[in-house]
Amino acid sequence: MSSHESAFFATGCFWGAERRFWQLTGVTETSVGYMGGHTANPSYEAVCTGSTGHAEISKVTFDPSLISYQRLLEEFWTMHDPTSYHRQGNDIGSQYRSAIYATNSEHLAQALASAATYQSALTAAGMAEICSEIISADGLTYWPAEEYHQKYLAKNPNGYDCHSSTGVPYPKAAHVQ
């Protein structure tokens, strides 16, 4: 039995999200791809048309003895603007939506609870409602993106990192490691 678990997060463009996750201690592997749509084997060009229904996804493989799913959720909420519908900064379209595709019922419950916690912080800061899609990954296929997208910002350190944060931190009292 593997001691590693997987998580799927959509935060807009997948390049910056992948880098944020790969820098966390306990994350053992990252990759980027497409998920949540209806087209098999989608290409980047097809996903960008919005016709596939897929979001740009970061797949995060992690060792739960070193980093909790909760910590990954906290990174997810604060690395992008989950109140922007189908948009992050200048990137506009359904492929840039905010989403969590949970791999088990415990992760789904944690993701929903973390959304409520973060929404409280956003509301206190006078911000809009979270519009992130939070669903089970059951029945969804993760399609790896083309090789040139994998670890893009390691290959291109000054490349485009398109994230638009709300600037609102995740509540410290809620942090559980």
Protein backbone atom coordinates (compact mmCIF):
# COMPACT_ATOMS: atom_id res chain seq x y z
CA MET A 1 0.00 0.00 0.00
CA SER A 2 1.38 3.39 -1.02
CA SER A 3 1.92 6.02 1.62
CA HIS A 4 1.30 8.71 -0.96
CA GLU A 5 -1.97 10.37 -1.88
CA SER A 6 -3.03 12.52 -4.83
CA ALA A 7 -4.92 15.78 -5.01
CA PHE A 8 -6.24 17.79 -7.96
CA PHE A 9 -6.43 21.59 -7.90
CA ALA A 10 -7.41 24.14 -10.54
CA THR A 11 -6.30 27.70 -9.81
CA GLY A 12 -6.13 29.29 -13.25
CA CYS A 13 -3.00 28.75 -15.32
CA PHE A 14 -1.37 25.56 -14.11
CA TRP A 15 2.26 26.69 -14.38
CA GLY A 16 2.34 28.88 -11.27
CA ALA A 17 0.18 26.52 -9.24
CA GLU A 18 2.45 23.58 -10.00
CA ARG A 19 5.50 25.57 -8.84
CA ARG A 20 3.80 26.64 -5.60
CA PHE A 21 2.94 23.03 -4.81
CA TRP A 22 6.30 21.47 -5.78
CA GLN A 23 8.04 23.82 -3.35
CA LEU A 24 6.15 22.43 -0.34
CA THR A 25 7.93 19.90 1.86
CA GLY A 26 6.04 16.63 1.66
CA VAL A 27 4.94 17.07 -1.95
CA THR A 28 6.68 14.24 -3.77
CA GLU A 29 5.56 14.88 -7.35
CA THR A 30 3.58 17.37 -9.38
CA SER A 31 2.28 17.40 -12.92
CA VAL A 32 -0.14 19.49 -14.91
CA GLY A 33 -3.03 18.45 -17.08
CA TYR A 34 -6.69 18.77 -17.85
CA MET A 35 -9.70 17.53 -15.91
CA GLY A 36 -13.38 18.09 -15.35
CA GLY A 37 -14.50 18.12 -18.96
CA HIS A 38 -15.98 15.74 -21.50
CA THR A 39 -13.30 15.42 -24.18
CA ALA A 40 -10.88 12.48 -24.18
CA ASN A 41 -7.16 13.19 -24.70
CA PRO A 42 -7.58 16.97 -24.96
CA SER A 43 -4.82 19.16 -26.31
CA TYR A 44 -3.85 22.53 -24.85
CA GLU A 45 -5.19 24.22 -27.97
CA ALA A 46 -8.56 22.46 -27.63
CA VAL A 47 -8.82 23.23 -23.90
CA CYS A 48 -8.12 26.91 -24.64
CA THR A 49 -11.19 27.07 -26.88
CA GLY A 50 -13.42 26.30 -23.90
CA SER A 51 -15.18 23.57 -25.89
CA THR A 52 -13.73 20.61 -23.94
CA GLY A 53 -15.12 21.59 -20.55
CA HIS A 54 -11.73 20.87 -18.95
CA ALA A 55 -9.92 23.02 -16.40
CA GLU A 56 -6.15 23.40 -16.25
CA ILE A 57 -5.22 21.16 -13.29
CA SER A 58 -2.25 20.65 -11.02
CA LYS A 59 -1.94 17.07 -9.83
CA VAL A 60 -0.17 16.94 -6.48
CA THR A 61 1.22 13.70 -5.08
CA PHE A 62 2.07 14.04 -1.41
CA ASP A 63 3.17 12.09 1.64
CA PRO A 64 0.50 12.68 4.32
CA SER A 65 3.04 11.88 7.05
CA LEU A 66 4.95 15.02 5.93
CA ILE A 67 2.22 17.39 4.75
CA SER A 68 -1.50 17.33 5.38
CA TYR A 69 -4.24 17.66 2.81
CA GLN A 70 -5.41 20.61 4.91
CA ARG A 71 -2.08 22.38 4.27
CA LEU A 72 -2.49 21.80 0.53
CA LEU A 73 -5.98 23.29 0.76
CA GLU A 74 -4.63 26.37 2.53
CA GLU A 75 -2.09 26.83 -0.26
CA PHE A 76 -4.87 26.37 -2.84
CA TRP A 77 -7.11 29.05 -1.31
CA THR A 78 -4.38 31.66 -0.96
CA MET A 79 -2.50 31.16 -4.25
CA HIS A 80 -5.36 32.41 -6.41
CA ASP A 81 -8.63 34.34 -6.31
CA PRO A 82 -11.41 31.78 -5.75
CA THR A 83 -14.02 34.55 -6.05
CA SER A 84 -13.23 35.13 -9.75
CA TYR A 85 -15.58 33.18 -11.98
CA HIS A 86 -13.67 31.55 -14.86
CA ARG A 87 -10.86 34.06 -14.54
CA GLN A 88 -7.50 34.64 -12.92
CA GLY A 89 -5.97 38.01 -13.72
CA ASN A 90 -5.78 38.42 -17.49
CA ASP A 91 -6.57 34.73 -18.11
CA ILE A 92 -10.25 34.41 -18.94
CA GLY A 93 -12.23 31.26 -19.77
CA SER A 94 -13.70 28.15 -18.18
CA GLN A 95 -10.30 26.41 -18.35
CA TYR A 96 -9.09 28.95 -15.74
CA ARG A 97 -11.80 28.16 -13.22
CA SER A 98 -11.15 27.45 -9.58
CA ALA A 99 -11.79 23.81 -8.66
CA ILE A 100 -10.96 21.00 -6.28
CA TYR A 101 -11.55 17.44 -7.46
CA ALA A 102 -11.36 15.37 -4.28
CA THR A 103 -10.00 11.83 -4.49
CA ASN A 104 -11.90 10.47 -1.48
CA SER A 105 -14.81 11.35 0.80
CA GLU A 106 -12.54 12.60 3.60
CA HIS A 107 -10.79 15.00 1.23
CA LEU A 108 -14.13 16.18 -0.12
CA ALA A 109 -15.38 16.94 3.40
CA GLN A 110 -12.12 18.74 4.23
CA ALA A 111 -12.29 20.77 1.01
CA LEU A 112 -15.87 21.87 1.70
CA ALA A 113 -15.03 22.77 5.31
CA SER A 114 -11.94 24.71 4.23
CA ALA A 115 -14.04 26.67 1.74
CA ALA A 116 -16.41 27.70 4.53
CA THR A 117 -13.47 28.71 6.74
CA TYR A 118 -11.85 30.75 3.98
CA GLN A 119 -15.18 32.31 3.00
CA SER A 120 -15.49 33.63 6.57
CA ALA A 121 -12.11 35.32 6.19
CA LEU A 122 -13.05 36.70 2.77
CA THR A 123 -16.39 38.01 4.07
CA ALA A 124 -14.65 39.71 6.98
CA ALA A 125 -12.35 41.39 4.44
CA GLY A 126 -15.36 42.59 2.39
CA MET A 127 -14.71 40.25 -0.50
CA ALA A 128 -17.09 38.32 -2.76
CA GLU A 129 -18.31 34.73 -2.46
CA ILE A 130 -16.14 31.77 -3.40
CA CYS A 131 -17.24 30.27 -6.72
CA SER A 132 -14.87 27.29 -6.75
CA GLU A 133 -16.16 23.97 -8.02
CA ILE A 134 -15.63 21.37 -5.26
CA ILE A 135 -16.64 17.86 -6.26
CA SER A 136 -15.53 14.26 -6.12
CA ALA A 137 -12.97 13.16 -8.69
CA ASP A 138 -14.90 9.89 -9.10
CA GLY A 139 -15.64 9.38 -12.77
CA LEU A 140 -13.28 12.16 -13.86
CA THR A 141 -10.14 11.43 -15.84
CA TYR A 142 -6.90 13.34 -15.40
CA TRP A 143 -5.31 13.94 -18.79
CA PRO A 144 -1.62 14.94 -18.52
CA ALA A 145 -0.72 18.07 -20.46
CA GLU A 146 1.89 18.13 -23.18
CA GLU A 147 5.50 17.69 -22.04
CA TYR A 148 6.44 21.34 -22.60
CA HIS A 149 3.91 22.34 -19.91
CA GLN A 150 5.36 19.96 -17.28
CA LYS A 151 7.54 21.86 -14.75
CA TYR A 152 7.31 24.81 -17.14
CA LEU A 153 8.56 27.36 -14.61
CA ALA A 154 11.57 25.17 -13.74
CA LYS A 155 12.46 25.17 -17.45
CA ASN A 156 11.58 28.88 -17.80
CA PRO A 157 12.24 30.50 -14.39
CA ASN A 158 11.14 33.94 -15.59
CA GLY A 159 8.05 32.56 -17.34
CA TYR A 160 4.49 33.73 -16.88
CA ASP A 161 3.07 33.10 -13.40
CA CYS A 162 -0.46 34.30 -13.75
CA HIS A 163 -1.94 34.06 -10.29
CA SER A 164 -4.16 36.73 -8.78
CA SER A 165 -4.35 36.34 -5.03
CA THR A 166 -7.02 37.96 -2.87
CA GLY A 167 -4.32 38.89 -0.37
CA VAL A 168 -6.44 37.39 2.41
CA PRO A 169 -4.51 34.79 4.44
CA TYR A 170 -6.07 31.50 5.43
CA PRO A 171 -7.11 31.79 9.11
CA LYS A 172 -4.23 30.59 11.30
CA ALA A 173 -6.51 29.12 13.98
CA ALA A 174 -7.90 26.73 11.38
CA HIS A 175 -4.44 25.43 10.41
CA VAL A 176 -3.92 21.78 11.24
CA GLN A 177 -0.73 20.00 10.18
